[in-house]
Amino acid sequence: GLAGLAILSQQLQLHGLAAETPAALIQQGTTEHQKVWVSTIADLPALAEREQPEAPTLVIIGEVVKLHDTLSWF
């Protein structure tokens, strides 16, 4: 969950993913209350700490995050 973002970020980087790999948090996706935050895997824990997203929140990691502006339909 969101409490494990620091470990997730650290482990992804330790296993070879670049710190600048795109990442996003999507809270209440596909609803009128949807919120999206875009960052990198290195900055993801700080983003979550600052923004305090609530469940349900998806964590998306990888180049697909760069399509957010193009596919932003909510």
N, C-alpha and C. Protein backbone atom coordinates (compact mmCIF):
# COMPACT_ATOMS: atom_id res chain seq x y z
N GLY A 1 0.80 -1.19 0.00
CA GLY A 1 0.00 0.00 0.00
C GLY A 1 0.85 1.26 0.00
N LEU A 2 0.21 2.35 0.27
CA LEU A 2 0.90 3.63 0.26
C LEU A 2 1.95 3.74 1.36
N ALA A 3 1.75 3.02 2.44
CA ALA A 3 2.73 3.04 3.53
C ALA A 3 4.06 2.44 3.11
N GLY A 4 4.05 1.61 2.08
CA GLY A 4 5.27 0.96 1.62
C GLY A 4 5.96 1.65 0.46
N LEU A 5 5.56 2.87 0.13
CA LEU A 5 6.14 3.54 -1.03
C LEU A 5 7.64 3.77 -0.90
N ALA A 6 8.11 4.08 0.28
CA ALA A 6 9.55 4.31 0.46
C ALA A 6 10.34 3.04 0.16
N ILE A 7 9.84 1.91 0.65
CA ILE A 7 10.51 0.63 0.39
C ILE A 7 10.41 0.27 -1.08
N LEU A 8 9.25 0.46 -1.67
CA LEU A 8 9.06 0.19 -3.10
C LEU A 8 10.04 1.01 -3.93
N SER A 9 10.11 2.29 -3.67
CA SER A 9 11.00 3.18 -4.40
C SER A 9 12.46 2.73 -4.25
N GLN A 10 12.84 2.45 -3.04
CA GLN A 10 14.22 2.03 -2.77
C GLN A 10 14.55 0.72 -3.48
N GLN A 11 13.67 -0.25 -3.39
CA GLN A 11 13.93 -1.56 -3.98
C GLN A 11 13.95 -1.50 -5.51
N LEU A 12 13.06 -0.71 -6.09
CA LEU A 12 13.07 -0.57 -7.55
C LEU A 12 14.40 0.01 -8.03
N GLN A 13 14.90 1.00 -7.30
CA GLN A 13 16.18 1.60 -7.67
C GLN A 13 17.34 0.64 -7.42
N LEU A 14 17.30 -0.09 -6.32
CA LEU A 14 18.36 -1.06 -6.03
C LEU A 14 18.42 -2.16 -7.08
N HIS A 15 17.28 -2.44 -7.70
CA HIS A 15 17.23 -3.50 -8.71
C HIS A 15 17.33 -2.95 -10.14
N GLY A 16 17.80 -1.71 -10.27
CA GLY A 16 18.17 -1.20 -11.57
C GLY A 16 17.27 -0.19 -12.23
N LEU A 17 16.14 0.13 -11.65
CA LEU A 17 15.28 1.14 -12.26
C LEU A 17 15.85 2.53 -11.95
N ALA A 18 15.92 3.37 -12.95
CA ALA A 18 16.48 4.71 -12.77
C ALA A 18 15.62 5.54 -11.83
N ALA A 19 16.27 6.37 -11.03
CA ALA A 19 15.56 7.23 -10.08
C ALA A 19 14.57 8.15 -10.77
N GLU A 20 14.87 8.53 -12.01
CA GLU A 20 13.98 9.44 -12.73
C GLU A 20 12.86 8.73 -13.50
N THR A 21 12.69 7.44 -13.28
CA THR A 21 11.59 6.70 -13.90
C THR A 21 10.27 7.34 -13.49
N PRO A 22 9.40 7.63 -14.45
CA PRO A 22 8.12 8.25 -14.13
C PRO A 22 7.26 7.37 -13.21
N ALA A 23 6.52 8.04 -12.35
CA ALA A 23 5.61 7.35 -11.43
C ALA A 23 4.40 8.25 -11.20
N ALA A 24 3.28 7.63 -10.89
CA ALA A 24 2.07 8.41 -10.62
C ALA A 24 1.26 7.74 -9.52
N LEU A 25 0.52 8.56 -8.82
CA LEU A 25 -0.48 8.09 -7.87
C LEU A 25 -1.83 8.54 -8.41
N ILE A 26 -2.78 7.62 -8.47
CA ILE A 26 -4.12 7.94 -8.95
C ILE A 26 -5.11 7.56 -7.86
N GLN A 27 -5.69 8.56 -7.26
CA GLN A 27 -6.65 8.36 -6.18
C GLN A 27 -8.06 8.36 -6.75
N GLN A 28 -8.85 7.39 -6.37
CA GLN A 28 -10.25 7.26 -6.80
C GLN A 28 -10.39 7.37 -8.32
N GLY A 29 -9.55 6.61 -9.02
CA GLY A 29 -9.53 6.64 -10.48
C GLY A 29 -10.89 6.36 -11.11
N THR A 30 -11.14 7.04 -12.20
CA THR A 30 -12.36 6.96 -13.02
C THR A 30 -13.62 7.44 -12.30
N THR A 31 -13.45 8.18 -11.23
CA THR A 31 -14.61 8.78 -10.56
C THR A 31 -14.51 10.29 -10.68
N GLU A 32 -15.56 10.97 -10.32
CA GLU A 32 -15.54 12.44 -10.35
C GLU A 32 -14.59 13.01 -9.31
N HIS A 33 -14.12 12.18 -8.40
CA HIS A 33 -13.21 12.62 -7.34
C HIS A 33 -11.75 12.26 -7.63
N GLN A 34 -11.49 11.81 -8.85
CA GLN A 34 -10.14 11.37 -9.22
C GLN A 34 -9.13 12.49 -9.02
N LYS A 35 -7.98 12.11 -8.45
CA LYS A 35 -6.83 13.00 -8.34
C LYS A 35 -5.62 12.25 -8.86
N VAL A 36 -4.77 12.95 -9.60
CA VAL A 36 -3.56 12.34 -10.16
C VAL A 36 -2.36 13.19 -9.78
N TRP A 37 -1.33 12.52 -9.28
CA TRP A 37 -0.07 13.17 -8.98
C TRP A 37 1.01 12.45 -9.77
N VAL A 38 1.83 13.20 -10.49
CA VAL A 38 2.90 12.62 -11.31
C VAL A 38 4.24 13.02 -10.72
N SER A 39 5.15 12.07 -10.69
CA SER A 39 6.45 12.28 -10.07
C SER A 39 7.46 11.32 -10.69
N THR A 40 8.49 11.00 -9.94
CA THR A 40 9.46 9.97 -10.30
C THR A 40 9.49 8.95 -9.17
N ILE A 41 10.10 7.80 -9.42
CA ILE A 41 10.14 6.82 -8.33
C ILE A 41 10.97 7.33 -7.16
N ALA A 42 11.97 8.15 -7.43
CA ALA A 42 12.79 8.69 -6.34
C ALA A 42 11.99 9.65 -5.46
N ASP A 43 11.10 10.42 -6.07
CA ASP A 43 10.34 11.43 -5.34
C ASP A 43 8.97 10.96 -4.86
N LEU A 44 8.59 9.75 -5.23
CA LEU A 44 7.26 9.25 -4.90
C LEU A 44 6.96 9.24 -3.39
N PRO A 45 7.88 8.77 -2.54
CA PRO A 45 7.57 8.79 -1.10
C PRO A 45 7.32 10.20 -0.56
N ALA A 46 8.11 11.16 -0.99
CA ALA A 46 7.93 12.55 -0.52
C ALA A 46 6.61 13.11 -1.03
N LEU A 47 6.26 12.78 -2.26
CA LEU A 47 4.98 13.22 -2.83
C LEU A 47 3.82 12.70 -1.99
N ALA A 48 3.85 11.43 -1.68
CA ALA A 48 2.77 10.83 -0.88
C ALA A 48 2.71 11.45 0.51
N GLU A 49 3.86 11.71 1.09
CA GLU A 49 3.90 12.34 2.42
C GLU A 49 3.29 13.75 2.37
N ARG A 50 3.61 14.47 1.32
CA ARG A 50 3.13 15.85 1.18
C ARG A 50 1.64 15.91 0.85
N GLU A 51 1.18 15.06 -0.08
CA GLU A 51 -0.20 15.14 -0.58
C GLU A 51 -1.20 14.30 0.21
N GLN A 52 -0.71 13.29 0.93
CA GLN A 52 -1.56 12.43 1.76
C GLN A 52 -2.73 11.81 0.98
N PRO A 53 -2.46 11.11 -0.12
CA PRO A 53 -3.55 10.45 -0.84
C PRO A 53 -4.21 9.39 0.03
N GLU A 54 -5.49 9.18 -0.23
CA GLU A 54 -6.26 8.20 0.54
C GLU A 54 -6.66 7.04 -0.37
N ALA A 55 -6.92 5.91 0.24
CA ALA A 55 -7.37 4.74 -0.51
C ALA A 55 -8.76 5.00 -1.08
N PRO A 56 -9.05 4.46 -2.23
CA PRO A 56 -8.18 3.64 -3.06
C PRO A 56 -7.27 4.50 -3.94
N THR A 57 -6.01 4.16 -3.95
CA THR A 57 -5.02 4.86 -4.77
C THR A 57 -4.15 3.84 -5.49
N LEU A 58 -4.04 4.00 -6.79
CA LEU A 58 -3.17 3.14 -7.61
C LEU A 58 -1.79 3.76 -7.71
N VAL A 59 -0.78 2.92 -7.77
CA VAL A 59 0.59 3.35 -8.03
C VAL A 59 0.94 2.86 -9.43
N ILE A 60 1.30 3.79 -10.30
CA ILE A 60 1.66 3.46 -11.67
C ILE A 60 3.13 3.83 -11.85
N ILE A 61 3.91 2.91 -12.40
CA ILE A 61 5.35 3.14 -12.56
C ILE A 61 5.75 2.78 -13.98
N GLY A 62 6.51 3.67 -14.61
CA GLY A 62 7.05 3.39 -15.93
C GLY A 62 6.71 4.48 -16.94
N GLU A 63 7.17 4.25 -18.15
CA GLU A 63 7.03 5.24 -19.22
C GLU A 63 5.57 5.57 -19.54
N VAL A 64 4.66 4.66 -19.24
CA VAL A 64 3.24 4.91 -19.51
C VAL A 64 2.74 6.16 -18.78
N VAL A 65 3.36 6.51 -17.68
CA VAL A 65 2.97 7.71 -16.93
C VAL A 65 3.10 8.96 -17.80
N LYS A 66 4.03 8.96 -18.73
CA LYS A 66 4.22 10.12 -19.61
C LYS A 66 3.02 10.37 -20.51
N LEU A 67 2.13 9.40 -20.64
CA LEU A 67 0.93 9.56 -21.47
C LEU A 67 -0.21 10.24 -20.71
N HIS A 68 0.01 10.58 -19.47
CA HIS A 68 -1.05 11.15 -18.63
C HIS A 68 -1.74 12.34 -19.30
N ASP A 69 -0.98 13.30 -19.78
CA ASP A 69 -1.60 14.49 -20.39
C ASP A 69 -2.36 14.13 -21.67
N THR A 70 -1.83 13.21 -22.44
CA THR A 70 -2.47 12.81 -23.69
C THR A 70 -3.77 12.06 -23.44
N LEU A 71 -3.78 11.19 -22.44
CA LEU A 71 -4.93 10.33 -22.19
C LEU A 71 -5.82 10.83 -21.06
N SER A 72 -5.55 11.99 -20.54
CA SER A 72 -6.31 12.51 -19.40
C SER A 72 -7.76 12.76 -19.81
N TRP A 73 -8.61 11.84 -19.47
CA TRP A 73 -10.01 11.94 -19.88
C TRP A 73 -10.93 12.18 -18.70
N PHE A 74 -10.37 12.31 -17.51
CA PHE A 74 -11.16 12.62 -16.33
C PHE A 74 -10.71 13.92 -15.74
